[in-house]
């Protein structure tokens, strides 16, 4: 795969066999779909930097017209060992700003956004939230909804401008707005 963006910024494209993504990071990658199209392929995720206590996460790279739930014919890969730092360091050193594609920051701010990190209980489970609003996955993926113009399947309202941080009491449980 070829990494082309890191956290929304263009980077000099580089090849990667594994992609290490840490909390809050985003990447845009290009994959070349040049394998046998009569079958599907595994995509796996693993914990790194600490000894894992969870099993490998699995997804299927689907070649149309194969059924998306048709299991690949191979055993899923395990990825690099959790304590192998060499490929993670190599990825970090590969990320460089794409020359000629650097967007300058705005000269002035048009708004200030204040975020309060909180937790909410939803269906008996605790979820992290921002300004007392938890992210819940929609039943229809956002990109599919936008492509098909299904604007009714998720809220279209703008994010709030903040909260009453002057009078906010960190010791009282806020009303759950979800």
N, C-alpha and C. Protein backbone atom coordinates (compact mmCIF):
# COMPACT_ATOMS: atom_id res chain seq x y z
N UNK A 1 0.85 -1.17 0.00
CA UNK A 1 0.00 0.00 0.00
C UNK A 1 0.90 1.23 0.00
N UNK A 2 0.35 2.32 -0.51
CA UNK A 2 1.09 3.57 -0.57
C UNK A 2 0.41 4.59 0.33
N UNK A 3 1.15 5.12 1.29
CA UNK A 3 0.63 6.14 2.20
C UNK A 3 0.77 7.49 1.50
N UNK A 4 -0.34 8.26 1.41
CA UNK A 4 -0.32 9.55 0.72
C UNK A 4 -0.70 10.73 1.63
N UNK A 5 -1.34 10.46 2.77
CA UNK A 5 -1.70 11.52 3.70
C UNK A 5 -1.54 11.02 5.12
N UNK A 6 -1.14 11.91 5.99
CA UNK A 6 -1.08 11.63 7.43
C UNK A 6 -1.79 12.76 8.16
N UNK A 7 -2.81 12.42 8.91
CA UNK A 7 -3.62 13.41 9.64
C UNK A 7 -4.11 14.53 8.72
N UNK A 8 -4.53 14.18 7.51
CA UNK A 8 -5.10 15.13 6.58
C UNK A 8 -4.10 15.94 5.79
N UNK A 9 -2.81 15.77 6.05
CA UNK A 9 -1.78 16.54 5.33
C UNK A 9 -1.11 15.65 4.28
N UNK A 10 -0.87 16.22 3.11
CA UNK A 10 -0.18 15.48 2.05
C UNK A 10 1.23 15.14 2.49
N UNK A 11 1.65 13.89 2.26
CA UNK A 11 3.02 13.48 2.56
C UNK A 11 3.65 12.94 1.29
N UNK A 12 4.98 12.93 1.27
CA UNK A 12 5.67 12.28 0.16
C UNK A 12 5.24 10.82 0.18
N UNK A 13 4.65 10.30 -0.91
CA UNK A 13 4.16 8.92 -0.90
C UNK A 13 5.26 7.93 -0.55
N UNK A 14 4.91 6.95 0.28
CA UNK A 14 5.86 5.88 0.61
C UNK A 14 5.11 4.56 0.73
N UNK A 15 5.82 3.48 0.43
CA UNK A 15 5.24 2.14 0.47
C UNK A 15 5.30 1.60 1.89
N UNK A 16 4.27 0.86 2.29
CA UNK A 16 4.24 0.25 3.62
C UNK A 16 3.56 -1.11 3.52
N UNK A 17 4.15 -2.10 4.16
CA UNK A 17 3.52 -3.42 4.24
C UNK A 17 2.50 -3.43 5.37
N UNK A 18 2.87 -2.79 6.48
CA UNK A 18 1.99 -2.64 7.64
C UNK A 18 1.86 -1.15 7.93
N UNK A 19 0.70 -0.75 8.44
CA UNK A 19 0.49 0.64 8.79
C UNK A 19 0.17 0.72 10.28
N UNK A 20 0.98 1.45 11.01
CA UNK A 20 0.80 1.59 12.45
C UNK A 20 0.01 2.88 12.71
N UNK A 21 -1.18 2.73 13.28
CA UNK A 21 -2.06 3.87 13.53
C UNK A 21 -2.29 3.94 15.04
N UNK A 22 -1.96 5.08 15.62
CA UNK A 22 -2.13 5.28 17.06
C UNK A 22 -3.36 6.15 17.31
N UNK A 23 -3.77 6.25 18.55
CA UNK A 23 -4.97 7.00 18.93
C UNK A 23 -4.96 8.40 18.32
N UNK A 24 -6.05 8.75 17.65
CA UNK A 24 -6.21 10.08 17.08
C UNK A 24 -5.57 10.28 15.72
N UNK A 25 -4.84 9.30 15.21
CA UNK A 25 -4.17 9.47 13.91
C UNK A 25 -5.08 9.00 12.78
N UNK A 26 -4.90 9.62 11.61
CA UNK A 26 -5.59 9.18 10.41
C UNK A 26 -4.59 9.13 9.27
N UNK A 27 -4.81 8.22 8.36
CA UNK A 27 -3.96 8.07 7.17
C UNK A 27 -4.86 7.85 5.96
N UNK A 28 -4.38 8.30 4.81
CA UNK A 28 -5.01 7.96 3.53
C UNK A 28 -4.01 7.10 2.79
N UNK A 29 -4.48 5.97 2.29
CA UNK A 29 -3.59 5.05 1.59
C UNK A 29 -4.21 4.65 0.25
N UNK A 30 -3.35 4.27 -0.66
CA UNK A 30 -3.77 3.71 -1.93
C UNK A 30 -3.33 2.25 -1.95
N UNK A 31 -4.24 1.37 -2.36
CA UNK A 31 -3.85 -0.02 -2.52
C UNK A 31 -4.02 -0.40 -3.98
N UNK A 32 -3.14 -1.27 -4.44
CA UNK A 32 -3.22 -1.76 -5.81
C UNK A 32 -3.95 -3.10 -5.77
N UNK A 33 -5.10 -3.15 -6.36
CA UNK A 33 -5.91 -4.37 -6.36
C UNK A 33 -5.51 -5.22 -7.57
N UNK A 34 -4.37 -5.90 -7.43
CA UNK A 34 -3.85 -6.69 -8.56
C UNK A 34 -3.71 -8.16 -8.22
N UNK A 35 -4.47 -8.62 -7.24
CA UNK A 35 -4.42 -10.03 -6.86
C UNK A 35 -5.53 -10.79 -7.58
N UNK A 36 -5.57 -12.10 -7.37
CA UNK A 36 -6.57 -12.96 -7.99
C UNK A 36 -7.97 -12.47 -7.60
N UNK A 37 -8.76 -11.98 -8.56
CA UNK A 37 -10.08 -11.42 -8.22
C UNK A 37 -11.15 -12.46 -7.93
N UNK A 38 -10.82 -13.74 -8.01
CA UNK A 38 -11.83 -14.77 -7.75
C UNK A 38 -11.96 -15.09 -6.26
N UNK A 39 -11.19 -14.39 -5.43
CA UNK A 39 -11.24 -14.65 -4.00
C UNK A 39 -11.15 -13.34 -3.21
N UNK A 40 -11.41 -13.41 -1.92
CA UNK A 40 -11.27 -12.28 -1.01
C UNK A 40 -9.99 -12.43 -0.21
N UNK A 41 -9.58 -11.34 0.48
CA UNK A 41 -8.32 -11.31 1.21
C UNK A 41 -8.52 -10.76 2.62
N UNK A 42 -7.65 -11.19 3.54
CA UNK A 42 -7.73 -10.73 4.92
C UNK A 42 -7.07 -9.37 5.11
N UNK A 43 -7.66 -8.57 5.98
CA UNK A 43 -7.06 -7.37 6.54
C UNK A 43 -7.07 -7.62 8.05
N UNK A 44 -5.93 -7.41 8.71
CA UNK A 44 -5.87 -7.68 10.14
C UNK A 44 -5.40 -6.47 10.92
N UNK A 45 -5.81 -6.41 12.17
CA UNK A 45 -5.34 -5.36 13.08
C UNK A 45 -4.82 -6.02 14.35
N UNK A 46 -3.80 -5.41 14.93
CA UNK A 46 -3.20 -5.93 16.14
C UNK A 46 -2.82 -4.81 17.07
N UNK A 47 -2.67 -5.14 18.34
CA UNK A 47 -2.15 -4.20 19.33
C UNK A 47 -0.63 -4.19 19.22
N UNK A 48 -0.03 -3.00 19.28
CA UNK A 48 1.42 -2.89 19.32
C UNK A 48 1.80 -2.02 20.52
N UNK A 49 3.05 -2.02 20.87
CA UNK A 49 3.61 -1.22 21.97
C UNK A 49 3.29 -1.77 23.35
N UNK A 50 2.44 -2.72 23.45
CA UNK A 50 2.19 -3.40 24.72
C UNK A 50 1.71 -4.80 24.40
N UNK A 51 1.97 -5.71 25.34
CA UNK A 51 1.59 -7.11 25.11
C UNK A 51 0.07 -7.19 24.95
N UNK A 52 -0.41 -7.73 23.83
CA UNK A 52 -1.86 -7.73 23.58
C UNK A 52 -2.60 -8.71 24.49
N UNK A 53 -3.79 -8.30 24.86
CA UNK A 53 -4.68 -9.17 25.61
C UNK A 53 -5.93 -9.46 24.82
N UNK A 54 -5.94 -9.04 23.56
CA UNK A 54 -7.11 -9.24 22.71
C UNK A 54 -6.69 -10.01 21.46
N UNK A 55 -7.65 -10.65 20.85
CA UNK A 55 -7.35 -11.40 19.62
C UNK A 55 -7.20 -10.44 18.44
N UNK A 56 -6.66 -10.95 17.36
CA UNK A 56 -6.46 -10.16 16.14
C UNK A 56 -7.81 -9.73 15.57
N UNK A 57 -7.91 -8.46 15.19
CA UNK A 57 -9.12 -7.96 14.54
C UNK A 57 -9.08 -8.34 13.06
N UNK A 58 -10.20 -8.76 12.52
CA UNK A 58 -10.25 -9.23 11.14
C UNK A 58 -11.25 -8.45 10.30
N UNK A 59 -10.88 -8.20 9.05
CA UNK A 59 -11.78 -7.61 8.06
C UNK A 59 -11.49 -8.31 6.74
N UNK A 60 -12.38 -8.17 5.80
CA UNK A 60 -12.21 -8.81 4.50
C UNK A 60 -12.11 -7.75 3.42
N UNK A 61 -11.04 -7.84 2.63
CA UNK A 61 -10.90 -7.02 1.42
C UNK A 61 -11.64 -7.77 0.33
N UNK A 62 -12.73 -7.19 -0.12
CA UNK A 62 -13.65 -7.88 -1.03
C UNK A 62 -13.41 -7.49 -2.48
N UNK A 63 -13.22 -8.49 -3.30
CA UNK A 63 -13.17 -8.30 -4.75
C UNK A 63 -14.56 -8.60 -5.30
N UNK A 64 -15.17 -7.62 -5.95
CA UNK A 64 -16.47 -7.81 -6.57
C UNK A 64 -16.29 -8.73 -7.78
N UNK A 65 -17.13 -9.69 -8.04
CA UNK A 65 -18.46 -9.95 -7.50
C UNK A 65 -18.50 -10.97 -6.37
N UNK A 66 -17.38 -11.27 -5.72
CA UNK A 66 -17.42 -12.20 -4.59
C UNK A 66 -18.32 -11.65 -3.50
N UNK A 67 -18.92 -12.55 -2.75
CA UNK A 67 -19.75 -12.13 -1.64
C UNK A 67 -18.84 -11.53 -0.57
N UNK A 68 -19.20 -10.36 0.01
CA UNK A 68 -18.32 -9.71 0.98
C UNK A 68 -18.09 -10.52 2.26
N UNK A 69 -18.96 -11.49 2.55
CA UNK A 69 -18.76 -12.30 3.75
C UNK A 69 -18.11 -13.64 3.44
N UNK A 70 -17.71 -13.82 2.19
CA UNK A 70 -17.02 -15.06 1.80
C UNK A 70 -15.61 -15.02 2.38
N UNK A 71 -15.30 -15.97 3.25
CA UNK A 71 -13.99 -15.98 3.91
C UNK A 71 -12.87 -16.23 2.91
N UNK A 72 -11.74 -15.56 3.09
CA UNK A 72 -10.57 -15.84 2.26
C UNK A 72 -10.11 -17.29 2.45
N UNK A 73 -9.39 -17.81 1.48
CA UNK A 73 -8.96 -19.20 1.53
C UNK A 73 -7.68 -19.40 2.34
N UNK A 74 -7.06 -18.31 2.77
CA UNK A 74 -5.81 -18.40 3.53
C UNK A 74 -6.06 -18.13 5.01
N UNK A 75 -5.05 -18.40 5.82
CA UNK A 75 -5.10 -18.09 7.25
C UNK A 75 -4.76 -16.60 7.40
N UNK A 76 -5.46 -15.86 8.28
CA UNK A 76 -5.14 -14.44 8.46
C UNK A 76 -3.69 -14.24 8.91
N UNK A 77 -3.09 -13.15 8.46
CA UNK A 77 -1.73 -12.84 8.89
C UNK A 77 -1.74 -12.36 10.33
N UNK A 78 -0.61 -12.51 10.98
CA UNK A 78 -0.53 -12.08 12.38
C UNK A 78 0.07 -10.69 12.51
N UNK A 79 0.73 -10.19 11.47
CA UNK A 79 1.36 -8.88 11.55
C UNK A 79 2.66 -8.96 12.33
N UNK A 80 3.32 -7.84 12.47
CA UNK A 80 4.59 -7.83 13.20
C UNK A 80 4.37 -8.06 14.70
N UNK A 81 5.38 -8.59 15.40
CA UNK A 81 5.25 -8.78 16.85
C UNK A 81 4.99 -7.46 17.56
N UNK A 82 4.29 -7.51 18.67
CA UNK A 82 3.89 -6.31 19.41
C UNK A 82 5.08 -5.49 19.88
N UNK A 83 6.23 -6.12 20.09
CA UNK A 83 7.39 -5.40 20.62
C UNK A 83 8.48 -5.15 19.58
N UNK A 84 8.15 -5.31 18.30
CA UNK A 84 9.11 -5.04 17.22
C UNK A 84 9.01 -3.57 16.85
N UNK A 85 9.97 -2.78 17.28
CA UNK A 85 9.90 -1.33 17.08
C UNK A 85 10.47 -0.88 15.74
N UNK A 86 11.27 -1.71 15.07
CA UNK A 86 11.93 -1.29 13.83
C UNK A 86 10.94 -0.83 12.75
N UNK A 87 9.87 -1.58 12.44
CA UNK A 87 8.96 -1.08 11.39
C UNK A 87 8.20 0.18 11.80
N UNK A 88 7.94 0.35 13.09
CA UNK A 88 7.25 1.57 13.55
C UNK A 88 8.16 2.79 13.40
N UNK A 89 9.42 2.60 13.73
CA UNK A 89 10.38 3.69 13.57
C UNK A 89 10.56 4.02 12.09
N UNK A 90 10.64 2.99 11.25
CA UNK A 90 10.79 3.22 9.80
C UNK A 90 9.59 4.00 9.25
N UNK A 91 8.38 3.69 9.72
CA UNK A 91 7.20 4.44 9.26
C UNK A 91 7.30 5.90 9.70
N UNK A 92 7.66 6.13 10.95
CA UNK A 92 7.77 7.51 11.45
C UNK A 92 8.78 8.31 10.65
N UNK A 93 9.90 7.69 10.30
CA UNK A 93 10.93 8.39 9.54
C UNK A 93 10.53 8.59 8.07
N UNK A 94 9.55 7.83 7.59
CA UNK A 94 9.10 7.95 6.20
C UNK A 94 8.11 9.09 5.99
N UNK A 95 7.51 9.59 7.05
CA UNK A 95 6.48 10.63 6.93
C UNK A 95 7.16 11.99 6.78
N UNK A 96 7.05 12.53 5.58
CA UNK A 96 7.63 13.85 5.27
C UNK A 96 6.59 14.66 4.50
N UNK A 97 6.52 15.95 4.75
CA UNK A 97 5.56 16.82 4.06
C UNK A 97 5.78 16.73 2.55
N UNK A 98 4.71 16.67 1.80
CA UNK A 98 4.80 16.60 0.33
C UNK A 98 5.20 17.98 -0.19
N UNK A 99 6.32 18.04 -0.86
CA UNK A 99 6.83 19.31 -1.39
C UNK A 99 5.86 19.89 -2.42
N UNK A 100 5.56 21.16 -2.28
CA UNK A 100 4.65 21.82 -3.22
C UNK A 100 3.19 21.62 -2.89
N UNK A 101 2.87 20.85 -1.84
CA UNK A 101 1.48 20.58 -1.49
C UNK A 101 1.17 20.98 -0.05
N UNK A 102 1.91 21.94 0.48
CA UNK A 102 1.70 22.37 1.85
C UNK A 102 0.75 23.56 1.85
N UNK A 103 -0.38 23.39 2.52
CA UNK A 103 -1.36 24.47 2.63
C UNK A 103 -1.00 25.33 3.82
N UNK A 104 -0.88 26.64 3.64
CA UNK A 104 -0.57 27.50 4.78
C UNK A 104 -1.78 27.58 5.72
N UNK A 105 -1.53 27.75 7.01
CA UNK A 105 -2.65 27.87 7.94
C UNK A 105 -3.35 29.21 7.73
N UNK A 106 -4.61 29.32 8.13
CA UNK A 106 -5.31 30.60 8.01
C UNK A 106 -4.62 31.67 8.85
N UNK A 107 -4.71 32.90 8.41
CA UNK A 107 -4.06 33.99 9.14
C UNK A 107 -4.83 34.38 10.39
N UNK A 108 -6.14 34.15 10.42
CA UNK A 108 -6.94 34.45 11.60
C UNK A 108 -7.91 33.30 11.86
N UNK A 109 -8.33 33.17 13.12
CA UNK A 109 -9.32 32.16 13.49
C UNK A 109 -10.71 32.75 13.34
N UNK A 110 -11.65 31.98 12.81
CA UNK A 110 -13.02 32.48 12.68
C UNK A 110 -13.92 31.98 13.81
N UNK A 111 -13.39 31.07 14.64
CA UNK A 111 -14.16 30.63 15.80
C UNK A 111 -13.24 29.88 16.75
N UNK A 112 -13.65 29.85 18.00
CA UNK A 112 -12.92 29.11 19.02
C UNK A 112 -13.80 27.96 19.46
N UNK A 113 -13.23 26.78 19.48
CA UNK A 113 -13.98 25.60 19.90
C UNK A 113 -13.32 25.06 21.16
N UNK A 114 -14.12 24.90 22.22
CA UNK A 114 -13.62 24.36 23.48
C UNK A 114 -14.20 22.96 23.63
N UNK A 115 -13.32 21.99 23.88
CA UNK A 115 -13.76 20.60 24.05
C UNK A 115 -13.58 20.16 25.49
N UNK A 116 -14.61 19.52 26.02
CA UNK A 116 -14.54 18.92 27.34
C UNK A 116 -14.65 17.41 27.14
N UNK A 117 -13.67 16.68 27.62
CA UNK A 117 -13.66 15.23 27.51
C UNK A 117 -14.46 14.64 28.66
N UNK A 118 -15.55 13.95 28.36
CA UNK A 118 -16.41 13.38 29.39
C UNK A 118 -16.72 11.93 29.05
N UNK A 119 -17.53 11.31 29.86
CA UNK A 119 -17.99 9.94 29.60
C UNK A 119 -19.50 9.89 29.75
N UNK A 120 -20.14 9.08 28.93
CA UNK A 120 -21.58 8.85 29.00
C UNK A 120 -21.84 7.36 29.11
N UNK A 121 -22.96 7.01 29.74
CA UNK A 121 -23.37 5.62 29.79
C UNK A 121 -24.47 5.43 28.76
N UNK A 122 -24.21 4.55 27.77
CA UNK A 122 -25.17 4.29 26.71
C UNK A 122 -25.43 2.79 26.68
N UNK A 123 -26.69 2.40 26.85
CA UNK A 123 -27.08 0.99 26.87
C UNK A 123 -26.23 0.18 27.84
N UNK A 124 -25.92 0.77 28.99
CA UNK A 124 -25.17 0.07 30.02
C UNK A 124 -23.66 0.10 29.86
N UNK A 125 -23.15 0.70 28.79
CA UNK A 125 -21.71 0.77 28.55
C UNK A 125 -21.24 2.21 28.61
N UNK A 126 -20.04 2.41 29.15
CA UNK A 126 -19.48 3.75 29.23
C UNK A 126 -18.76 4.08 27.93
N UNK A 127 -19.08 5.23 27.34
CA UNK A 127 -18.47 5.71 26.10
C UNK A 127 -17.81 7.06 26.35
N UNK A 128 -16.66 7.28 25.75
CA UNK A 128 -16.05 8.61 25.81
C UNK A 128 -16.90 9.57 25.01
N UNK A 129 -16.89 10.82 25.42
CA UNK A 129 -17.68 11.82 24.71
C UNK A 129 -16.97 13.15 24.73
N UNK A 130 -17.37 14.03 23.85
CA UNK A 130 -16.88 15.40 23.80
C UNK A 130 -18.06 16.32 24.08
N UNK A 131 -17.89 17.20 25.04
CA UNK A 131 -18.96 18.12 25.43
C UNK A 131 -20.26 17.38 25.71
N UNK A 132 -20.11 16.22 26.34
CA UNK A 132 -21.22 15.37 26.75
C UNK A 132 -22.00 14.77 25.58
N UNK A 133 -21.39 14.67 24.41
CA UNK A 133 -22.01 14.02 23.26
C UNK A 133 -21.11 12.87 22.83
N UNK A 134 -21.64 11.65 22.86
CA UNK A 134 -20.87 10.47 22.47
C UNK A 134 -21.08 10.17 21.01
N UNK A 135 -20.02 9.64 20.39
CA UNK A 135 -20.12 9.21 19.00
C UNK A 135 -20.76 7.84 18.97
N UNK A 136 -21.80 7.70 18.18
CA UNK A 136 -22.44 6.41 17.97
C UNK A 136 -22.45 6.15 16.48
N UNK A 137 -21.97 4.97 16.09
CA UNK A 137 -21.93 4.65 14.67
C UNK A 137 -23.33 4.64 14.07
N UNK A 138 -23.52 5.27 12.93
CA UNK A 138 -24.83 5.24 12.28
C UNK A 138 -25.05 3.88 11.63
N UNK A 139 -26.30 3.53 11.39
CA UNK A 139 -26.58 2.25 10.74
C UNK A 139 -26.15 2.26 9.28
N UNK A 140 -26.10 3.44 8.67
CA UNK A 140 -25.60 3.60 7.30
C UNK A 140 -24.30 4.39 7.37
N UNK A 141 -23.20 3.85 6.79
CA UNK A 141 -21.93 4.59 6.83
C UNK A 141 -22.06 5.98 6.21
N UNK A 142 -21.33 6.96 6.79
CA UNK A 142 -21.43 8.34 6.34
C UNK A 142 -21.15 8.50 4.85
N UNK A 143 -20.05 7.92 4.36
CA UNK A 143 -19.71 8.10 2.95
C UNK A 143 -20.76 7.50 2.03
N UNK A 144 -21.30 6.34 2.41
CA UNK A 144 -22.36 5.74 1.59
C UNK A 144 -23.60 6.63 1.60
N UNK A 145 -23.93 7.19 2.77
CA UNK A 145 -25.10 8.07 2.88
C UNK A 145 -24.90 9.33 2.03
N UNK A 146 -23.71 9.91 2.07
CA UNK A 146 -23.46 11.11 1.27
C UNK A 146 -23.51 10.79 -0.22
N UNK A 147 -22.91 9.68 -0.63
CA UNK A 147 -22.90 9.30 -2.04
C UNK A 147 -24.32 9.08 -2.56
N UNK A 148 -25.15 8.44 -1.75
CA UNK A 148 -26.52 8.13 -2.18
C UNK A 148 -27.51 9.22 -1.80
N UNK A 149 -27.00 10.34 -1.28
CA UNK A 149 -27.82 11.49 -0.86
C UNK A 149 -28.89 11.10 0.17
N UNK A 150 -28.48 10.27 1.13
CA UNK A 150 -29.37 9.85 2.21
C UNK A 150 -29.13 10.75 3.42
N UNK A 151 -29.46 12.01 3.29
CA UNK A 151 -29.16 12.99 4.32
C UNK A 151 -30.00 12.83 5.58
N UNK A 152 -31.03 12.00 5.53
CA UNK A 152 -31.90 11.81 6.69
C UNK A 152 -31.35 10.77 7.68
N UNK A 153 -30.29 10.02 7.33
CA UNK A 153 -29.83 8.94 8.19
C UNK A 153 -28.85 9.38 9.27
N UNK A 154 -28.39 10.62 9.24
CA UNK A 154 -27.57 11.15 10.33
C UNK A 154 -27.84 12.63 10.50
N UNK A 155 -27.53 13.13 11.69
CA UNK A 155 -27.82 14.52 12.01
C UNK A 155 -26.97 15.45 11.15
N UNK A 156 -27.59 16.49 10.60
CA UNK A 156 -26.92 17.45 9.72
C UNK A 156 -26.54 18.74 10.45
N UNK A 157 -26.92 18.86 11.73
CA UNK A 157 -26.68 20.11 12.42
C UNK A 157 -25.18 20.32 12.69
N UNK A 158 -24.79 21.57 12.77
CA UNK A 158 -23.39 21.92 13.03
C UNK A 158 -23.01 21.55 14.45
N UNK A 159 -21.72 21.33 14.70
CA UNK A 159 -21.31 21.03 16.07
C UNK A 159 -21.54 22.23 16.98
N UNK A 160 -21.73 21.98 18.27
CA UNK A 160 -21.96 23.10 19.18
C UNK A 160 -20.71 23.98 19.29
N UNK A 161 -20.91 25.22 19.67
CA UNK A 161 -19.80 26.15 19.82
C UNK A 161 -19.07 25.97 21.15
N UNK A 162 -19.50 25.07 21.96
CA UNK A 162 -18.83 24.83 23.24
C UNK A 162 -19.85 24.52 24.31
N UNK A 163 -19.53 24.85 25.51
CA UNK A 163 -20.39 24.61 26.64
C UNK A 163 -20.14 25.71 27.66
N UNK A 164 -20.93 25.73 28.69
CA UNK A 164 -20.80 26.76 29.72
C UNK A 164 -19.64 26.36 30.65
N UNK A 165 -18.42 26.60 30.20
CA UNK A 165 -17.26 26.16 30.97
C UNK A 165 -17.03 26.98 32.23
N UNK A 166 -17.59 28.17 32.31
CA UNK A 166 -17.42 28.99 33.52
C UNK A 166 -18.22 28.42 34.69
N UNK A 167 -19.43 27.91 34.41
CA UNK A 167 -20.29 27.38 35.47
C UNK A 167 -20.32 25.86 35.51
N UNK A 168 -19.48 25.19 34.73
CA UNK A 168 -19.51 23.73 34.67
C UNK A 168 -18.90 23.14 35.94
N UNK A 169 -19.61 22.21 36.56
CA UNK A 169 -19.15 21.57 37.79
C UNK A 169 -18.62 20.18 37.45
N UNK A 170 -17.32 20.01 37.57
CA UNK A 170 -16.72 18.72 37.18
C UNK A 170 -17.09 17.60 38.14
N UNK A 171 -17.64 17.93 39.31
CA UNK A 171 -17.98 16.90 40.28
C UNK A 171 -19.42 16.40 40.16
N UNK A 172 -20.25 17.06 39.34
CA UNK A 172 -21.61 16.58 39.17
C UNK A 172 -21.73 15.86 37.83
N UNK A 173 -22.58 14.86 37.79
CA UNK A 173 -22.78 14.09 36.56
C UNK A 173 -23.68 14.89 35.63
N UNK A 174 -23.19 15.16 34.44
CA UNK A 174 -23.98 15.93 33.47
C UNK A 174 -25.10 15.08 32.91
N UNK A 175 -26.17 15.73 32.50
CA UNK A 175 -27.30 15.04 31.88
C UNK A 175 -26.83 14.47 30.55
N UNK A 176 -27.14 13.20 30.30
CA UNK A 176 -26.75 12.53 29.08
C UNK A 176 -27.65 13.01 27.94
N UNK A 177 -27.07 13.64 26.92
CA UNK A 177 -27.88 14.20 25.82
C UNK A 177 -28.05 13.23 24.66
N UNK A 178 -27.49 12.04 24.77
CA UNK A 178 -27.60 11.06 23.67
C UNK A 178 -28.95 10.40 23.66
